PDB file of N, CA and C in Angstrom:
ATOM      1  N   MET A   1     -49.210  41.537  85.439  1.00  0.00           N
ATOM      2  CA  MET A   1     -49.892  40.200  85.005  1.00  0.00           C
ATOM      3  C   MET A   1     -51.252  40.586  84.653  1.00  0.00           C
ATOM      4  N   ARG A   2     -51.791  41.154  85.328  1.00  0.00           N
ATOM      5  CA  ARG A   2     -53.228  41.674  84.993  1.00  0.00           C
ATOM      6  C   ARG A   2     -53.444  42.464  83.723  1.00  0.00           C
ATOM      7  N   ARG A   3     -52.242  42.989  83.546  1.00  0.00           N
ATOM      8  CA  ARG A   3     -52.186  43.777  81.989  1.00  0.00           C
ATOM      9  C   ARG A   3     -52.230  42.818  80.868  1.00  0.00           C
ATOM     10  N   VAL A   4     -51.562  42.021  80.920  1.00  0.00           N
ATOM     11  CA  VAL A   4     -51.186  40.471  80.223  1.00  0.00           C
ATOM     12  C   VAL A   4     -52.144  40.333  79.882  1.00  0.00           C
ATOM     13  N   PHE A   5     -53.119  39.910  80.883  1.00  0.00           N
ATOM     14  CA  PHE A   5     -54.908  39.233  80.243  1.00  0.00           C
ATOM     15  C   PHE A   5     -55.819  40.225  79.934  1.00  0.00           C
ATOM     16  N   GLN A   6     -55.427  41.410  80.157  1.00  0.00           N
ATOM     17  CA  GLN A   6     -56.362  42.718  79.605  1.00  0.00           C
ATOM     18  C   GLN A   6     -56.212  42.617  77.813  1.00  0.00           C
ATOM     19  N   PHE A   7     -55.030  42.201  77.766  1.00  0.00           N
ATOM     20  CA  PHE A   7     -54.654  42.096  76.137  1.00  0.00           C
ATOM     21  C   PHE A   7     -54.799  40.415  75.550  1.00  0.00           C
ATOM     22  N   ALA A   8     -54.376  39.689  76.358  1.00  0.00           N
ATOM     23  CA  ALA A   8     -54.695  38.328  75.787  1.00  0.00           C
ATOM     24  C   ALA A   8     -55.802  37.463  75.636  1.00  0.00           C
ATOM     25  N   VAL A   9     -56.712  38.117  76.521  1.00  0.00           N
ATOM     26  CA  VAL A   9     -57.998  37.324  76.382  1.00  0.00           C
ATOM     27  C   VAL A   9     -58.789  38.127  74.907  1.00  0.00           C
ATOM     28  N   PRO A  10     -59.019  39.414  74.605  1.00  0.00           N
ATOM     29  CA  PRO A  10     -59.382  39.753  73.799  1.00  0.00           C
ATOM     30  C   PRO A  10     -58.963  39.233  72.695  1.00  0.00           C
ATOM     31  N   ALA A  11     -57.666  39.125  72.476  1.00  0.00           N
ATOM     32  CA  ALA A  11     -56.549  38.737  71.329  1.00  0.00           C
ATOM     33  C   ALA A  11     -57.127  36.931  70.995  1.00  0.00           C
ATOM     34  N   VAL A  12     -57.314  36.565  71.987  1.00  0.00           N
ATOM     35  CA  VAL A  12     -57.453  34.920  71.979  1.00  0.00           C
ATOM     36  C   VAL A  12     -58.978  34.949  71.500  1.00  0.00           C
ATOM     37  N   VAL A  13     -60.207  35.771  71.835  1.00  0.00           N
ATOM     38  CA  VAL A  13     -61.240  35.894  71.356  1.00  0.00           C
ATOM     39  C   VAL A  13     -61.566  36.108  69.867  1.00  0.00           C
ATOM     40  N   LEU A  14     -60.520  37.153  69.707  1.00  0.00           N
ATOM     41  CA  LEU A  14     -60.768  37.852  68.100  1.00  0.00           C
ATOM     42  C   LEU A  14     -60.522  36.597  67.259  1.00  0.00           C
ATOM     43  N   GLY A  15     -58.939  35.859  67.506  1.00  0.00           N
ATOM     44  CA  GLY A  15     -58.579  34.949  66.938  1.00  0.00           C
ATOM     45  C   GLY A  15     -59.418  33.801  66.769  1.00  0.00           C
ATOM     46  N   LEU A  16     -59.727  33.136  67.587  1.00  0.00           N
ATOM     47  CA  LEU A  16     -60.899  32.305  67.634  1.00  0.00           C
ATOM     48  C   LEU A  16     -62.474  32.758  66.824  1.00  0.00           C
ATOM     49  N   GLY A  17     -62.432  33.336  67.070  1.00  0.00           N
ATOM     50  CA  GLY A  17     -63.834  34.392  66.193  1.00  0.00           C
ATOM     51  C   GLY A  17     -63.465  34.460  64.348  1.00  0.00           C
ATOM     52  N   LEU A  18     -62.111  35.093  64.260  1.00  0.00           N
ATOM     53  CA  LEU A  18     -61.704  34.768  62.746  1.00  0.00           C
ATOM     54  C   LEU A  18     -61.639  33.459  62.389  1.00  0.00           C
ATOM     55  N   LEU A  19     -60.977  32.201  62.965  1.00  0.00           N
ATOM     56  CA  LEU A  19     -60.586  31.316  62.785  1.00  0.00           C
ATOM     57  C   LEU A  19     -62.529  30.154  62.386  1.00  0.00           C
ATOM     58  N   LEU A  20     -63.140  30.716  63.582  1.00  0.00           N
ATOM     59  CA  LEU A  20     -64.611  29.796  63.278  1.00  0.00           C
ATOM     60  C   LEU A  20     -65.290  30.243  62.101  1.00  0.00           C
ATOM     61  N   ASN A  21     -65.177  31.754  61.632  1.00  0.00           N
ATOM     62  CA  ASN A  21     -66.123  32.240  60.641  1.00  0.00           C
ATOM     63  C   ASN A  21     -65.353  32.055  58.949  1.00  0.00           C
ATOM     64  N   SER A  22     -63.968  31.596  59.117  1.00  0.00           N
ATOM     65  CA  SER A  22     -63.586  31.572  57.659  1.00  0.00           C
ATOM     66  C   SER A  22     -63.829  30.144  57.092  1.00  0.00           C
ATOM     67  N   ALA A  23     -63.948  30.525  55.743  1.00  0.00           N
ATOM     68  CA  ALA A  23     -64.335  28.960  54.856  1.00  0.00           C
ATOM     69  C   ALA A  23     -63.184  28.384  54.145  1.00  0.00           C
ATOM     70  N   PRO A  24     -62.978  27.389  54.058  1.00  0.00           N
ATOM     71  CA  PRO A  24     -61.844  26.619  53.255  1.00  0.00           C
ATOM     72  C   PRO A  24     -62.132  26.992  52.022  1.00  0.00           C
ATOM     73  N   SER A  25     -60.852  27.106  51.128  1.00  0.00           N
ATOM     74  CA  SER A  25     -60.590  27.414  50.104  1.00  0.00           C
ATOM     75  C   SER A  25     -60.864  26.688  48.890  1.00  0.00           C
ATOM     76  N   PHE A  26     -61.285  25.974  47.651  1.00  0.00           N
ATOM     77  CA  PHE A  26     -61.558  25.099  47.197  1.00  0.00           C
ATOM     78  C   PHE A  26     -60.915  25.348  45.455  1.00  0.00           C
ATOM     79  N   GLY A  27     -60.772  26.547  45.289  1.00  0.00           N
ATOM     80  CA  GLY A  27     -60.085  27.184  44.206  1.00  0.00           C
ATOM     81  C   GLY A  27     -58.757  27.297  43.961  1.00  0.00           C
ATOM     82  N   LYS A  28     -58.112  27.417  42.946  1.00  0.00           N
ATOM     83  CA  LYS A  28     -56.557  27.169  43.226  1.00  0.00           C
ATOM     84  C   LYS A  28     -56.172  28.992  42.302  1.00  0.00           C
ATOM     85  N   PRO A  29     -55.397  29.336  43.253  1.00  0.00           N
ATOM     86  CA  PRO A  29     -54.935  30.698  42.573  1.00  0.00           C
ATOM     87  C   PRO A  29     -54.381  30.509  41.266  1.00  0.00           C
ATOM     88  N   GLU A  30     -54.069  29.533  40.712  1.00  0.00           N
ATOM     89  CA  GLU A  30     -53.752  29.202  39.059  1.00  0.00           C
ATOM     90  C   GLU A  30     -54.635  29.242  38.158  1.00  0.00           C
ATOM     91  N   TYR A  31     -55.833  29.300  38.693  1.00  0.00           N
ATOM     92  CA  TYR A  31     -56.964  29.213  38.318  1.00  0.00           C
ATOM     93  C   TYR A  31     -57.470  30.746  37.697  1.00  0.00           C
ATOM     94  N   VAL A  32     -56.929  31.441  38.821  1.00  0.00           N
ATOM     95  CA  VAL A  32     -57.488  33.095  38.769  1.00  0.00           C
ATOM     96  C   VAL A  32     -56.315  33.909  37.930  1.00  0.00           C
ATOM     97  N   LYS A  33     -55.070  33.071  37.923  1.00  0.00           N
ATOM     98  CA  LYS A  33     -54.049  34.025  36.936  1.00  0.00           C
ATOM     99  C   LYS A  33     -54.350  33.329  35.749  1.00  0.00           C
ATOM    100  N   GLN A  34     -54.800  32.081  35.432  1.00  0.00           N
ATOM    101  CA  GLN A  34     -54.941  31.593  33.846  1.00  0.00           C
ATOM    102  C   GLN A  34     -56.293  32.346  33.178  1.00  0.00           C
ATOM    103  N   THR A  35     -57.306  32.540  34.167  1.00  0.00           N
ATOM    104  CA  THR A  35     -58.488  32.982  33.383  1.00  0.00           C
ATOM    105  C   THR A  35     -58.807  34.813  33.880  1.00  0.00           C
ATOM    106  N   LYS A  36     -57.819  35.323  34.523  1.00  0.00           N
ATOM    107  CA  LYS A  36     -58.014  36.671  35.134  1.00  0.00           C
ATOM    108  C   LYS A  36     -59.400  37.128  35.199  1.00  0.00           C
ATOM    109  N   LYS A  37     -60.138  36.432  36.404  1.00  0.00           N
ATOM    110  CA  LYS A  37     -61.467  36.103  36.060  1.00  0.00           C
ATOM    111  C   LYS A  37     -61.777  36.097  37.942  1.00  0.00           C
ATOM    112  N   GLY A  38     -62.716  36.490  38.787  1.00  0.00           N
ATOM    113  CA  GLY A  38     -62.574  36.309  40.126  1.00  0.00           C
ATOM    114  C   GLY A  38     -63.328  35.234  40.419  1.00  0.00           C
ATOM    115  N   CYS A  39     -63.355  34.440  41.532  1.00  0.00           N
ATOM    116  CA  CYS A  39     -64.109  33.365  42.192  1.00  0.00           C
ATOM    117  C   CYS A  39     -65.378  33.483  41.637  1.00  0.00           C
ATOM    118  N   THR A  40     -66.210  34.605  41.588  1.00  0.00           N
ATOM    119  CA  THR A  40     -67.903  33.991  41.414  1.00  0.00           C
ATOM    120  C   THR A  40     -67.962  33.963  40.338  1.00  0.00           C
ATOM    121  N   THR A  41     -67.005  34.098  39.166  1.00  0.00           N
ATOM    122  CA  THR A  41     -67.413  33.774  37.665  1.00  0.00           C
ATOM    123  C   THR A  41     -68.039  32.110  37.486  1.00  0.00           C
ATOM    124  N   CYS A  42     -66.840  31.572  38.163  1.00  0.00           N
ATOM    125  CA  CYS A  42     -67.210  29.970  38.676  1.00  0.00           C
ATOM    126  C   CYS A  42     -67.891  29.320  39.289  1.00  0.00           C
ATOM    127  N   HIS A  43     -68.168  30.288  40.651  1.00  0.00           N
ATOM    128  CA  HIS A  43     -68.876  29.647  41.758  1.00  0.00           C
ATOM    129  C   HIS A  43     -69.723  30.531  41.933  1.00  0.00           C
ATOM    130  N   VAL A  44     -70.950  29.723  42.551  1.00  0.00           N
ATOM    131  CA  VAL A  44     -72.207  30.389  42.633  1.00  0.00           C
ATOM    132  C   VAL A  44     -72.036  31.274  44.104  1.00  0.00           C
ATOM    133  N   ASP A  45     -71.297  31.194  45.062  1.00  0.00           N
ATOM    134  CA  ASP A  45     -71.368  31.897  46.231  1.00  0.00           C
ATOM    135  C   ASP A  45     -69.699  31.150  46.781  1.00  0.00           C
ATOM    136  N   SER A  46     -69.083  31.700  46.883  1.00  0.00           N
ATOM    137  CA  SER A  46     -67.915  31.225  47.087  1.00  0.00           C
ATOM    138  C   SER A  46     -67.540  30.958  48.814  1.00  0.00           C
ATOM    139  N   LYS A  47     -68.479  31.491  49.538  1.00  0.00           N
ATOM    140  CA  LYS A  47     -68.252  31.054  51.141  1.00  0.00           C
ATOM    141  C   LYS A  47     -69.404  30.399  51.443  1.00  0.00           C
ATOM    142  N   THR A  48     -70.650  30.558  51.102  1.00  0.00           N
ATOM    143  CA  THR A  48     -71.858  29.772  51.577  1.00  0.00           C
ATOM    144  C   THR A  48     -71.581  28.285  51.067  1.00  0.00           C
ATOM    145  N   LYS A  49     -71.860  28.571  49.690  1.00  0.00           N
ATOM    146  CA  LYS A  49     -71.514  27.014  48.495  1.00  0.00           C
ATOM    147  C   LYS A  49     -70.664  27.023  47.397  1.00  0.00           C
ATOM    148  N   PRO A  50     -69.397  26.879  48.275  1.00  0.00           N
ATOM    149  CA  PRO A  50     -68.106  26.761  47.444  1.00  0.00           C
ATOM    150  C   PRO A  50     -68.004  25.678  46.462  1.00  0.00           C
ATOM    151  N   LYS A  51     -68.839  24.362  46.447  1.00  0.00           N
ATOM    152  CA  LYS A  51     -68.614  23.234  45.431  1.00  0.00           C
ATOM    153  C   LYS A  51     -69.841  23.577  44.165  1.00  0.00           C
ATOM    154  N   GLU A  52     -70.858  24.548  44.462  1.00  0.00           N
ATOM    155  CA  GLU A  52     -71.633  24.942  43.567  1.00  0.00           C
ATOM    156  C   GLU A  52     -71.026  25.514  42.176  1.00  0.00           C
ATOM    157  N   LEU A  53     -71.186  25.176  41.353  1.00  0.00           N
ATOM    158  CA  LEU A  53     -70.452  25.871  39.992  1.00  0.00           C
ATOM    159  C   LEU A  53     -71.864  26.694  39.124  1.00  0.00           C
ATOM    160  N   THR A  54     -71.278  27.735  38.316  1.00  0.00           N
ATOM    161  CA  THR A  54     -72.200  28.502  37.840  1.00  0.00           C
ATOM    162  C   THR A  54     -72.133  27.405  35.981  1.00  0.00           C
ATOM    163  N   GLU A  55     -72.769  28.063  34.906  1.00  0.00           N
ATOM    164  CA  GLU A  55     -72.343  27.301  34.244  1.00  0.00           C
ATOM    165  C   GLU A  55     -71.004  27.633  33.605  1.00  0.00           C
ATOM    166  N   ALA A  56     -70.193  28.856  33.908  1.00  0.00           N
ATOM    167  CA  ALA A  56     -68.887  29.290  33.266  1.00  0.00           C
ATOM    168  C   ALA A  56     -68.069  28.244  34.310  1.00  0.00           C
ATOM    169  N   GLY A  57     -68.441  27.747  35.446  1.00  0.00           N
ATOM    170  CA  GLY A  57     -67.450  27.122  36.414  1.00  0.00           C
ATOM    171  C   GLY A  57     -67.754  25.645  35.698  1.00  0.00           C
ATOM    172  N   LYS A  58     -68.989  25.190  35.493  1.00  0.00           N
ATOM    173  CA  LYS A  58     -68.883  23.699  34.683  1.00  0.00           C
ATOM    174  C   LYS A  58     -68.319  23.646  33.665  1.00  0.00           C
ATOM    175  N   TYR A  59     -68.105  24.899  32.611  1.00  0.00           N
ATOM    176  CA  TYR A  59     -67.686  24.405  31.242  1.00  0.00           C
ATOM    177  C   TYR A  59     -65.933  24.924  31.476  1.00  0.00           C
ATOM    178  N   PHE A  60     -65.314  25.689  32.605  1.00  0.00           N
ATOM    179  CA  PHE A  60     -63.948  25.311  33.146  1.00  0.00           C
ATOM    180  C   PHE A  60     -63.594  24.028  33.345  1.00  0.00           C
ATOM    181  N   LYS A  61     -64.436  23.230  34.532  1.00  0.00           N
ATOM    182  CA  LYS A  61     -64.037  22.058  34.733  1.00  0.00           C
ATOM    183  C   LYS A  61     -64.090  21.062  33.850  1.00  0.00           C
ATOM    184  N   GLU A  62     -64.474  21.024  32.812  1.00  0.00           N
ATOM    185  CA  GLU A  62     -64.927  20.157  31.682  1.00  0.00           C
ATOM    186  C   GLU A  62     -63.396  20.741  30.516  1.00  0.00           C
ATOM    187  N   LYS A  63     -63.347  21.837  30.185  1.00  0.00           N
ATOM    188  CA  LYS A  63     -62.506  22.181  29.377  1.00  0.00           C
ATOM    189  C   LYS A  63     -61.121  22.733  29.873  1.00  0.00           C
ATOM    190  N   LYS A  64     -61.015  23.210  31.161  1.00  0.00           N
ATOM    191  CA  LYS A  64     -59.692  23.630  31.602  1.00  0.00           C
ATOM    192  C   LYS A  64     -59.788  25.292  31.122  1.00  0.00           C
ATOM    193  N   THR A  65     -60.192  25.871  30.891  1.00  0.00           N
ATOM    194  CA  THR A  65     -60.235  27.400  29.804  1.00  0.00           C
ATOM    195  C   THR A  65     -61.840  27.822  29.565  1.00  0.00           C
ATOM    196  N   LEU A  66     -61.707  28.729  29.982  1.00  0.00           N
ATOM    197  CA  LEU A  66     -63.045  29.702  29.553  1.00  0.00           C
ATOM    198  C   LEU A  66     -63.169  30.426  27.996  1.00  0.00           C
ATOM    199  N   ASP A  67     -62.188  29.955  27.246  1.00  0.00           N
ATOM    200  CA  ASP A  67     -62.225  30.140  25.826  1.00  0.00           C
ATOM    201  C   ASP A  67     -63.336  29.674  25.333  1.00  0.00           C
ATOM    202  N   GLY A  68     -63.920  30.717  24.592  1.00  0.00           N
ATOM    203  CA  GLY A  68     -64.680  29.738  23.688  1.00  0.00           C
ATOM    204  C   GLY A  68     -66.584  29.922  24.626  1.00  0.00           C
ATOM    205  N   PHE A  69     -66.400  30.456  25.857  1.00  0.00           N
ATOM    206  CA  PHE A  69     -67.379  30.081  27.013  1.00  0.00           C
ATOM    207  C   PHE A  69     -68.089  31.259  26.314  1.00  0.00           C
ATOM    208  N   THR A  70     -69.745  31.137  26.190  1.00  0.00           N
ATOM    209  CA  THR A  70     -70.593  32.288  25.930  1.00  0.00           C
ATOM    210  C   THR A  70     -71.793  31.916  27.005  1.00  0.00           C
ATOM    211  N   ALA A  71     -71.961  33.240  27.671  1.00  0.00           N
ATOM    212  CA  ALA A  71     -72.886  32.968  29.106  1.00  0.00           C
ATOM    213  C   ALA A  71     -74.203  32.910  28.363  1.00  0.00           C
ATOM    214  N   LYS A  72     -75.119  32.089  28.654  1.00  0.00           N
ATOM    215  CA  LYS A  72     -76.553  31.584  28.249  1.00  0.00           C
ATOM    216  C   LYS A  72     -77.853  32.773  28.560  1.00  0.00           C
TER     217      LYS A  72
END
């Protein structure tokens, strides 16, 4: 019984740590497939400020494509 606790307690602590440190994702996998670009192309920082968009992100939000976008 003691052996079970030796593995269960660290596993629970590790699992809770991973759960509490993960950020929700607002992007969609379809966007990555469509644009062939990473998250940071459209988002300022996908972990701390996922809703804050770059100029490319604002362009994509409006046009639903990055075709024709030029960085300023």
